[in-house]
């Protein structure tokens, strides 16, 4: 159990487990890699800031390429979204392919679709290559519609992916019911490229693989300041100074310390999950019986999946802080009762939450903060595949300096002036929506 990740609210005991930051994932993760803080002054070729999927993938690929690198994580490996997310390894972004092409433009659009569409290949390749124990299943995911409008959206999405040769299939109402075990959905889009993992275990596995490849990893080592130095950069931490020729910044929705200012370019979208106790065998056979992870087409979406032990996990937009905990717990119970009535009343063991980075056009952003200081951020809720893929691309960039490898234009780190409005809007809207949803 990963006690180092706990982030509890004083005086509150949510669920069976008090860890409201990483919940089930912390309780069931594979053993944490034993890491310590930076032990003093040292140097490296490439410094990596952030111990999530992007940073860990960059460290692994740099190590495999024979490059000297050191990763600095301010808290624990997987502390941010990498240790809190739903664990759906999806292809592409939330955007439909044609929408992505329009927004990314002709120069980058097709390349970005290719990188993101094939990103599950890289995830499962690394899992197999490095024997990462993370409950990995690659049997597809289901994008489900419970309204006629959602069905039309799935038809468009299906046609666009199929035109590009992607192995996606639009399922009828009967086929969707057979796959989900629920009568709630009118249709579902099955994507065979995708699957599920235990997300925190995957982060730990990447960390172990990166260390085996020669990367140095340090936890509890925040960068408090950085400055240009002879031949590179000097990164100051509470425990020592790291001098590096180039720097990869991979902090995403959890920037802090010397990189707190990067928050101005994005807004944070909160998400939460609740997990039941393991379901009885006869019930389990009827709930997501072929074990695909699923989510719906609603603007404030709901997600559904199982873990290896047979728990049902449901989630949506919002947090479990303060009064929101009881509101969203009640929503989770109603959702299970309406979507999977065969489950009946079952105790909820875990409730936890996190955040991911979003921006105005729902595309990732590439920033060159200095000559050899690079940053990719804002995966807009699709962190596992894109994080792993862009970590590899950033490792290649740190090796040869060729930004053309990365299928994104270089953009300035500009202030998103409406970010606080959107953060409050989505959180308040989600609470109101969940207060009323599925009451009838």
Protein backbone atom coordinates (compact mmCIF):
# COMPACT_ATOMS: atom_id res chain seq x y z
CA UNK A 1 0.00 0.00 0.00
CA UNK A 2 1.34 3.44 -0.97
CA UNK A 3 0.99 5.40 2.22
CA UNK A 4 3.18 8.21 0.92
CA UNK A 5 0.43 9.35 -1.44
CA UNK A 6 -2.27 9.99 1.18
CA UNK A 7 -3.96 13.39 1.04
CA UNK A 8 -6.79 13.31 3.55
CA UNK A 9 -9.18 15.96 4.80
CA UNK A 10 -8.84 16.58 8.54
CA UNK A 11 -11.73 15.28 10.60
CA UNK A 12 -13.30 13.32 7.76
CA UNK A 13 -13.30 9.57 7.14
CA UNK A 14 -14.59 8.95 3.61
CA UNK A 15 -15.42 5.37 2.71
CA UNK A 16 -13.48 2.46 4.15
CA UNK A 17 -10.21 4.10 3.17
CA UNK A 18 -9.18 7.64 4.16
CA UNK A 19 -6.97 8.31 1.14
CA UNK A 20 -9.07 10.69 -1.00
CA UNK A 21 -6.25 11.54 -3.40
CA UNK A 22 -5.34 8.08 -4.75
CA UNK A 23 -7.88 5.81 -3.08
CA UNK A 24 -8.14 2.33 -4.57
CA UNK A 25 -5.05 2.75 -6.71
CA UNK A 26 -2.81 3.44 -3.70
CA UNK A 27 -4.30 0.49 -1.83
CA UNK A 28 -3.82 -2.03 -4.65
CA UNK A 29 -0.71 -0.75 -6.47
CA UNK A 30 2.37 -2.86 -7.01
CA UNK A 31 5.25 -2.08 -4.61
CA UNK A 32 6.57 1.46 -4.83
CA UNK A 33 10.10 1.90 -6.13
CA UNK A 34 12.41 2.89 -3.29
CA UNK A 35 13.52 6.42 -4.12
CA UNK A 36 14.99 9.23 -2.09
CA UNK A 37 15.60 12.96 -2.53
CA UNK A 38 18.48 14.43 -4.51
CA UNK A 39 21.46 13.76 -2.24
CA UNK A 40 23.50 16.89 -3.00
CA UNK A 41 25.05 18.81 -5.88
CA UNK A 42 25.34 16.86 -9.12
CA UNK A 43 25.05 17.23 -12.89
CA UNK A 44 23.43 15.43 -15.81
CA UNK A 45 22.77 15.80 -19.51
CA UNK A 46 18.97 16.04 -19.25
CA UNK A 47 16.90 17.04 -16.22
CA UNK A 48 13.25 15.95 -16.14
CA UNK A 49 10.78 17.74 -13.87
CA UNK A 50 7.76 15.62 -12.92
CA UNK A 51 7.19 11.97 -12.08
CA UNK A 52 4.08 11.23 -14.12
CA UNK A 53 3.74 9.34 -17.38
CA UNK A 54 5.41 11.99 -19.55
CA UNK A 55 8.43 12.43 -17.31
CA UNK A 56 8.85 8.71 -16.62
CA UNK A 57 8.53 7.81 -20.30
CA UNK A 58 11.12 10.47 -21.16
CA UNK A 59 13.48 9.09 -18.51
CA UNK A 60 13.03 5.53 -19.75
CA UNK A 61 13.63 6.39 -23.39
CA UNK A 62 16.62 8.61 -22.60
CA UNK A 63 18.12 5.82 -20.54
CA UNK A 64 17.55 3.31 -23.33
CA UNK A 65 19.27 5.71 -25.75
CA UNK A 66 22.32 5.88 -23.47
CA UNK A 67 21.72 9.48 -22.39
CA UNK A 68 22.45 10.54 -18.84
CA UNK A 69 19.33 11.92 -17.20
CA UNK A 70 17.88 12.68 -13.78
CA UNK A 71 14.19 13.01 -12.89
CA UNK A 72 13.07 15.26 -10.04
CA UNK A 73 9.61 14.72 -8.53
CA UNK A 74 8.44 17.24 -5.93
CA UNK A 75 6.32 14.67 -4.07
CA UNK A 76 5.89 10.96 -4.95
CA UNK A 77 6.05 9.15 -8.26
CA UNK A 78 2.49 9.17 -9.62
CA UNK A 79 1.36 11.90 -7.21
CA UNK A 80 -0.54 13.83 -9.90
CA UNK A 81 -2.98 12.61 -12.50
CA UNK A 82 -0.85 9.53 -13.24
CA UNK A 83 -1.86 8.02 -9.89
CA UNK A 84 -5.48 9.15 -9.80
CA UNK A 85 -7.03 8.68 -13.25
CA UNK A 86 -9.60 6.12 -14.38
CA UNK A 87 -7.05 3.87 -16.07
CA UNK A 88 -8.56 3.90 -19.58
CA UNK A 89 -5.82 3.58 -22.21
CA UNK A 90 -7.62 5.26 -25.10
CA UNK A 91 -6.49 6.21 -28.59
CA UNK A 92 -6.71 9.83 -29.72
CA UNK A 93 -8.18 12.74 -27.79
CA UNK A 94 -11.72 13.63 -26.75
CA UNK A 95 -11.97 15.49 -30.05
CA UNK A 96 -13.35 13.72 -33.10
CA UNK A 97 -10.62 13.13 -35.71
CA UNK A 98 -11.94 15.75 -38.15
CA UNK A 99 -12.25 18.33 -35.35
CA UNK A 100 -8.66 17.62 -34.35
CA UNK A 101 -7.52 18.12 -37.96
CA UNK A 102 -9.33 21.45 -38.21
CA UNK A 103 -7.84 22.73 -34.97
CA UNK A 104 -4.31 21.37 -35.43
CA UNK A 105 -4.14 22.34 -39.11
CA UNK A 106 -2.77 20.52 -42.17
CA UNK A 107 0.87 20.59 -41.09
CA UNK A 108 0.45 18.86 -37.73
CA UNK A 109 -3.05 17.35 -37.75
CA UNK A 110 -2.47 14.00 -39.49
CA UNK A 111 0.82 13.46 -37.65
CA UNK A 112 -0.83 14.19 -34.32
CA UNK A 113 -3.67 11.77 -35.11
CA UNK A 114 -1.13 9.08 -35.94
CA UNK A 115 0.88 9.60 -32.73
CA UNK A 116 -2.21 9.65 -30.51
CA UNK A 117 -4.08 6.93 -32.38
CA UNK A 118 -1.17 4.53 -31.95
CA UNK A 119 -0.28 5.58 -28.40
CA UNK A 120 -1.92 2.48 -26.81
CA UNK A 121 0.51 0.38 -28.87
CA UNK A 122 3.41 2.05 -27.09
CA UNK A 123 1.81 1.70 -23.64
CA UNK A 124 1.18 -2.02 -23.97
CA UNK A 125 4.55 -2.56 -25.67
CA UNK A 126 6.33 -1.05 -22.66
CA UNK A 127 4.17 -3.08 -20.26
CA UNK A 128 5.16 -6.30 -22.03
CA UNK A 129 8.81 -5.34 -22.60
CA UNK A 130 9.44 -4.39 -18.97
CA UNK A 131 7.08 -6.91 -17.35
CA UNK A 132 5.06 -4.16 -15.66
CA UNK A 133 2.42 -5.59 -13.33
CA UNK A 134 -0.51 -3.19 -13.66
CA UNK A 135 -3.65 -5.29 -14.27
CA UNK A 136 -3.22 -4.63 -18.00
CA UNK A 137 -6.10 -5.66 -20.25
CA UNK A 138 -6.19 -4.77 -23.93
CA UNK A 139 -9.63 -5.80 -25.02
CA UNK A 140 -11.01 -2.43 -26.11
CA UNK A 141 -13.06 0.33 -24.53
CA UNK A 142 -16.70 1.35 -24.99
CA UNK A 143 -17.89 4.90 -25.67
CA UNK A 144 -21.57 4.69 -24.77
CA UNK A 145 -24.60 6.80 -25.72
CA UNK A 146 -27.70 7.06 -23.56
CA UNK A 147 -29.44 9.71 -25.73
CA UNK A 148 -30.29 10.03 -29.42
CA UNK A 149 -27.93 12.98 -29.63
CA UNK A 150 -25.16 10.80 -28.22
CA UNK A 151 -25.94 8.11 -30.81
CA UNK A 152 -25.54 10.61 -33.62
CA UNK A 153 -22.22 11.76 -32.18
CA UNK A 154 -20.98 8.16 -32.03
CA UNK A 155 -22.04 7.58 -35.65
CA UNK A 156 -19.94 10.55 -36.76
CA UNK A 157 -16.97 9.53 -34.62
CA UNK A 158 -17.18 5.95 -35.88
CA UNK A 159 -17.26 7.01 -39.54
CA UNK A 160 -14.28 9.33 -39.13
CA UNK A 161 -12.10 6.71 -37.43
CA UNK A 162 -13.15 3.96 -39.82
CA UNK A 163 -12.21 6.21 -42.75
CA UNK A 164 -8.69 6.17 -41.32
CA UNK A 165 -8.64 2.41 -40.95
CA UNK A 166 -9.05 2.32 -37.16
CA UNK A 167 -10.52 -0.91 -35.70
CA UNK A 168 -13.68 0.65 -34.26
CA UNK A 169 -17.18 -0.82 -34.40
CA UNK A 170 -20.51 0.86 -33.70
CA UNK A 171 -22.60 -1.49 -31.56
CA UNK A 172 -26.39 -1.64 -31.54
CA UNK A 173 -28.47 -1.25 -28.40
CA UNK A 174 -28.58 -5.02 -27.95
CA UNK A 175 -24.84 -5.39 -28.54
CA UNK A 176 -24.10 -2.53 -26.13
CA UNK A 177 -26.26 -4.18 -23.47
CA UNK A 178 -24.40 -7.46 -23.93
CA UNK A 179 -21.02 -5.76 -23.57
CA UNK A 180 -21.90 -3.48 -20.65
CA UNK A 181 -24.47 -5.57 -18.81
CA UNK A 182 -26.64 -2.45 -18.67
CA UNK A 183 -29.97 -1.57 -20.30
CA UNK A 184 -29.12 2.14 -20.18
CA UNK A 185 -27.31 2.60 -23.47
CA UNK A 186 -28.73 3.03 -26.96
CA UNK A 187 -25.40 2.36 -28.70
CA UNK A 188 -21.69 2.08 -28.02
CA UNK A 189 -18.50 2.56 -29.99
CA UNK A 190 -16.04 -0.29 -29.44
CA UNK A 191 -12.38 0.70 -29.97
CA UNK A 192 -10.14 -2.35 -30.17
CA UNK A 193 -6.95 -0.28 -29.90
CA UNK A 194 -7.70 0.56 -26.28
CA UNK A 195 -7.83 -1.12 -22.87
CA UNK A 196 -7.43 -0.60 -19.13
CA UNK A 197 -4.61 -0.61 -16.56
CA UNK A 198 -4.05 0.04 -12.87
CA UNK A 199 -2.70 3.56 -13.48
CA UNK A 200 -0.51 3.99 -10.40
CA UNK A 201 1.06 0.56 -10.89
CA UNK A 202 1.88 1.55 -14.46
CA UNK A 203 3.66 4.67 -13.20
CA UNK A 204 5.63 2.60 -10.70
CA UNK A 205 6.53 0.13 -13.44
CA UNK A 206 7.79 2.90 -15.71
CA UNK A 207 9.88 4.21 -12.82
CA UNK A 208 11.49 0.82 -12.22
CA UNK A 209 12.13 0.38 -15.95
CA UNK A 210 13.70 3.84 -16.20
CA UNK A 211 16.05 3.10 -13.29
CA UNK A 212 17.03 -0.21 -14.89
CA UNK A 213 17.82 1.69 -18.08
CA UNK A 214 20.21 3.97 -16.17
CA UNK A 215 18.04 6.98 -15.36
CA UNK A 216 18.36 8.53 -11.91
CA UNK A 217 15.04 9.24 -10.17
CA UNK A 218 14.52 11.39 -7.08
CA UNK A 219 11.35 11.97 -5.06
CA UNK A 220 10.53 14.75 -2.58
CA UNK A 221 12.81 17.03 -4.56
CA UNK A 222 10.97 20.18 -5.65
CA UNK A 223 12.79 22.62 -7.91
CA UNK A 224 12.60 25.91 -6.04
CA UNK A 225 14.40 28.00 -8.66
CA UNK A 226 16.22 27.65 -11.96
CA UNK A 227 18.68 29.80 -13.85
CA UNK A 228 20.89 29.68 -16.92
CA UNK A 229 24.35 28.37 -16.18
CA UNK A 230 27.46 27.68 -18.20
CA UNK A 231 26.42 25.18 -20.86
CA UNK A 232 22.90 24.69 -19.52
CA UNK A 233 20.73 25.22 -16.46
CA UNK A 234 21.11 25.19 -12.70
CA UNK A 235 18.13 23.75 -10.81
CA UNK A 236 18.03 24.47 -7.10
CA UNK A 237 16.29 22.08 -4.69
CA UNK A 238 16.13 21.91 -0.87
CA UNK A 239 18.69 19.09 -0.93
CA UNK A 240 21.18 20.23 -3.55
CA UNK A 241 21.67 21.64 -7.02
CA UNK A 242 21.28 19.79 -10.31
CA UNK A 243 23.08 21.20 -13.34
CA UNK A 244 21.79 20.03 -16.71
CA UNK A 245 22.44 20.76 -20.37
CA UNK A 246 18.70 20.63 -21.15
CA UNK A 247 15.44 20.41 -19.23
CA UNK A 248 12.13 18.63 -19.88
CA UNK A 249 9.20 20.01 -17.87
CA UNK A 250 6.41 17.46 -17.35
CA UNK A 251 4.26 18.83 -14.52
CA UNK A 252 0.92 19.20 -16.36
CA UNK A 253 -1.98 19.94 -13.96
CA UNK A 254 0.23 19.81 -10.85
CA UNK A 255 2.86 22.52 -11.29
CA UNK A 256 4.41 24.03 -8.21
CA UNK A 257 7.44 25.75 -6.76
CA UNK A 258 9.60 27.17 -9.59
CA UNK A 259 7.05 26.14 -12.23
CA UNK A 260 3.88 27.40 -10.56
CA UNK A 261 3.56 30.10 -13.23
CA UNK A 262 2.89 27.48 -15.92
CA UNK A 263 -0.60 27.08 -14.45
CA UNK A 264 -1.59 30.35 -16.08
CA UNK A 265 -1.74 28.68 -19.51
CA UNK A 266 -4.38 26.06 -18.61
CA UNK A 267 -7.31 25.30 -16.37
CA UNK A 268 -7.70 22.26 -14.15
CA UNK A 269 -10.62 19.91 -14.63
CA UNK A 270 -11.42 17.88 -11.51
CA UNK A 271 -12.58 14.27 -11.65
CA UNK A 272 -13.56 11.72 -9.00
CA UNK A 273 -14.14 7.98 -8.69
CA UNK A 274 -15.89 5.64 -6.27
CA UNK A 275 -15.19 1.92 -6.02
CA UNK A 276 -17.45 -0.75 -4.56
CA UNK A 277 -16.26 -3.73 -2.60
CA UNK A 278 -15.56 -6.77 -4.83
CA UNK A 279 -18.83 -7.96 -6.34
CA UNK A 280 -20.10 -11.54 -5.87
CA UNK A 281 -19.21 -13.87 -8.71
CA UNK A 282 -22.74 -14.31 -10.06
CA UNK A 283 -23.27 -10.54 -10.16
CA UNK A 284 -19.82 -9.89 -11.60
CA UNK A 285 -20.62 -12.07 -14.59
CA UNK A 286 -23.34 -9.56 -15.56
CA UNK A 287 -21.48 -6.24 -14.98
CA UNK A 288 -19.16 -5.27 -17.84
CA UNK A 289 -18.89 -9.02 -18.46
CA UNK A 290 -16.18 -8.74 -21.12
CA UNK A 291 -14.29 -6.25 -18.92
CA UNK A 292 -14.09 -3.23 -21.20
CA UNK A 293 -13.81 0.15 -19.56
CA UNK A 294 -16.59 2.52 -20.60
CA UNK A 295 -17.73 6.13 -20.50
CA UNK A 296 -20.68 8.02 -21.92
CA UNK A 297 -21.20 10.86 -24.39
CA UNK A 298 -22.58 13.40 -21.91
CA UNK A 299 -20.81 16.74 -21.50
CA UNK A 300 -20.38 15.91 -17.82
CA UNK A 301 -19.51 12.30 -18.48
CA UNK A 302 -19.76 9.20 -16.34
CA UNK A 303 -17.16 6.42 -16.49
CA UNK A 304 -17.45 2.73 -15.62
CA UNK A 305 -14.88 -0.03 -15.24
CA UNK A 306 -13.87 -3.01 -13.12
CA UNK A 307 -10.60 -3.74 -11.40
CA UNK A 308 -8.85 -7.09 -11.17
CA UNK A 309 -10.52 -7.95 -7.85
CA UNK A 310 -14.01 -7.41 -9.28
CA UNK A 311 -14.80 -3.96 -7.90
CA UNK A 312 -17.09 -1.71 -9.94
CA UNK A 313 -15.62 1.77 -10.32
CA UNK A 314 -17.79 4.71 -11.37
CA UNK A 315 -16.63 8.28 -11.81
CA UNK A 316 -17.35 11.69 -13.24
CA UNK A 317 -16.34 15.37 -13.15
CA UNK A 318 -15.82 16.98 -9.73
CA UNK A 319 -14.05 16.46 -6.41
CA UNK A 320 -14.71 14.69 -3.14
CA UNK A 321 -13.61 17.62 -0.98
CA UNK A 322 -15.87 18.78 1.83
CA UNK A 323 -19.60 18.86 1.06
CA UNK A 324 -18.94 17.55 -2.45
CA UNK A 325 -18.02 14.15 -1.01
CA UNK A 326 -21.50 13.32 0.23
CA UNK A 327 -23.16 14.76 -2.87
CA UNK A 328 -21.00 12.72 -5.23
CA UNK A 329 -21.19 9.59 -3.09
CA UNK A 330 -24.98 9.77 -3.32
CA UNK A 331 -24.67 10.28 -7.09
CA UNK A 332 -22.41 7.20 -7.35
CA UNK A 333 -24.96 5.06 -5.49
CA UNK A 334 -27.82 6.28 -7.73
CA UNK A 335 -25.69 5.73 -10.83
CA UNK A 336 -24.93 2.14 -9.89
CA UNK A 337 -28.60 1.50 -9.07
CA UNK A 338 -29.83 2.96 -12.38
CA UNK A 339 -27.08 1.70 -14.68
CA UNK A 340 -26.43 -1.71 -13.12
CA UNK A 341 -29.58 -2.54 -11.12
CA UNK A 342 -28.45 -6.16 -10.74
CA UNK A 343 -25.72 -5.00 -8.34
CA UNK A 344 -28.22 -4.02 -5.66
CA UNK A 345 -27.02 -2.24 -2.54
CA UNK A 346 -23.27 -2.68 -2.16
CA UNK A 347 -20.82 -0.87 0.12
CA UNK A 348 -18.50 1.71 -1.44
CA UNK A 349 -14.94 1.12 -0.26
CA UNK A 350 -13.04 4.03 -1.83
CA UNK A 351 -13.67 7.57 -3.05
CA UNK A 352 -10.88 9.72 -4.51
CA UNK A 353 -10.24 12.55 -6.93
CA UNK A 354 -7.66 14.33 -9.06
CA UNK A 355 -7.29 16.85 -11.87
CA UNK A 356 -6.06 17.11 -15.43
CA UNK A 357 -4.97 20.08 -17.52
CA UNK A 358 -7.17 21.59 -20.23
CA UNK A 359 -6.94 24.58 -22.53
CA UNK A 360 -9.07 26.55 -24.96
CA UNK A 361 -8.93 24.28 -28.01
CA UNK A 362 -8.52 20.86 -26.33
CA UNK A 363 -5.16 20.17 -27.99
CA UNK A 364 -1.82 19.56 -26.25
CA UNK A 365 0.62 22.46 -26.24
CA UNK A 366 4.36 22.51 -26.95
CA UNK A 367 6.32 25.30 -25.26
CA UNK A 368 10.00 26.16 -25.53
CA UNK A 369 10.53 28.16 -22.36
CA UNK A 370 14.17 28.68 -23.28
CA UNK A 371 16.67 27.43 -25.80
CA UNK A 372 16.85 23.93 -24.29
CA UNK A 373 13.96 23.97 -21.83
CA UNK A 374 10.91 22.23 -23.34
CA UNK A 375 7.41 21.52 -22.06
CA UNK A 376 4.35 19.67 -23.36
CA UNK A 377 1.12 20.06 -21.41
CA UNK A 378 -2.67 19.80 -21.53
CA UNK A 379 -3.64 16.31 -22.64
CA UNK A 380 -7.22 17.29 -21.84
CA UNK A 381 -8.15 14.12 -19.97
CA UNK A 382 -6.23 11.59 -22.07
CA UNK A 383 -3.01 11.26 -20.09
CA UNK A 384 -1.92 7.63 -20.34
CA UNK A 385 -1.35 7.16 -24.07
CA UNK A 386 -0.42 10.76 -24.95
CA UNK A 387 1.80 11.13 -21.87
CA UNK A 388 3.73 7.99 -22.73
CA UNK A 389 4.04 8.93 -26.41
CA UNK A 390 5.07 12.53 -25.82
CA UNK A 391 7.57 11.44 -23.19
CA UNK A 392 9.28 9.41 -25.90
CA UNK A 393 9.16 12.33 -28.33
CA UNK A 394 10.59 14.73 -25.75
CA UNK A 395 13.43 12.29 -25.08
CA UNK A 396 14.21 12.30 -28.79
CA UNK A 397 14.08 16.10 -28.86
CA UNK A 398 16.47 16.31 -25.91
CA UNK A 399 18.83 14.06 -27.86
CA UNK A 400 18.86 15.74 -31.28
CA UNK A 401 17.14 19.13 -30.76
CA UNK A 402 14.78 18.49 -33.68
CA UNK A 403 11.39 19.95 -32.71
CA UNK A 404 9.95 18.73 -36.01
CA UNK A 405 9.67 15.27 -34.48
CA UNK A 406 6.93 16.60 -32.21
CA UNK A 407 3.60 16.97 -34.07
CA UNK A 408 2.70 20.27 -32.44
CA UNK A 409 3.58 23.87 -33.25
CA UNK A 410 5.75 25.71 -30.75
CA UNK A 411 3.50 28.14 -28.89
CA UNK A 412 4.08 30.83 -26.30
CA UNK A 413 3.20 30.18 -22.68
CA UNK A 414 0.35 32.69 -22.51
CA UNK A 415 -2.07 33.45 -19.72
CA UNK A 416 -5.52 31.91 -20.11
CA UNK A 417 -7.41 34.82 -18.60
CA UNK A 418 -10.64 32.86 -18.17
CA UNK A 419 -9.10 29.86 -16.41
CA UNK A 420 -10.52 30.60 -12.96
CA UNK A 421 -13.96 31.11 -14.47
CA UNK A 422 -13.86 27.73 -16.25
CA UNK A 423 -12.54 25.93 -13.17
CA UNK A 424 -15.38 27.30 -11.04
CA UNK A 425 -17.93 26.81 -13.84
CA UNK A 426 -17.19 23.13 -14.34
CA UNK A 427 -16.95 22.35 -10.62
CA UNK A 428 -20.18 24.17 -9.76
CA UNK A 429 -21.91 22.80 -12.85
CA UNK A 430 -20.85 19.25 -12.04
CA UNK A 431 -22.18 19.50 -8.49
CA UNK A 432 -25.51 20.86 -9.67
CA UNK A 433 -25.76 18.24 -12.42
CA UNK A 434 -24.93 15.39 -10.08
CA UNK A 435 -27.39 16.63 -7.47
CA UNK A 436 -30.26 16.13 -9.93
CA UNK A 437 -28.97 13.36 -12.25
CA UNK A 438 -30.63 9.93 -12.07
CA UNK A 439 -33.08 10.85 -9.31
CA UNK A 440 -36.09 9.67 -11.30
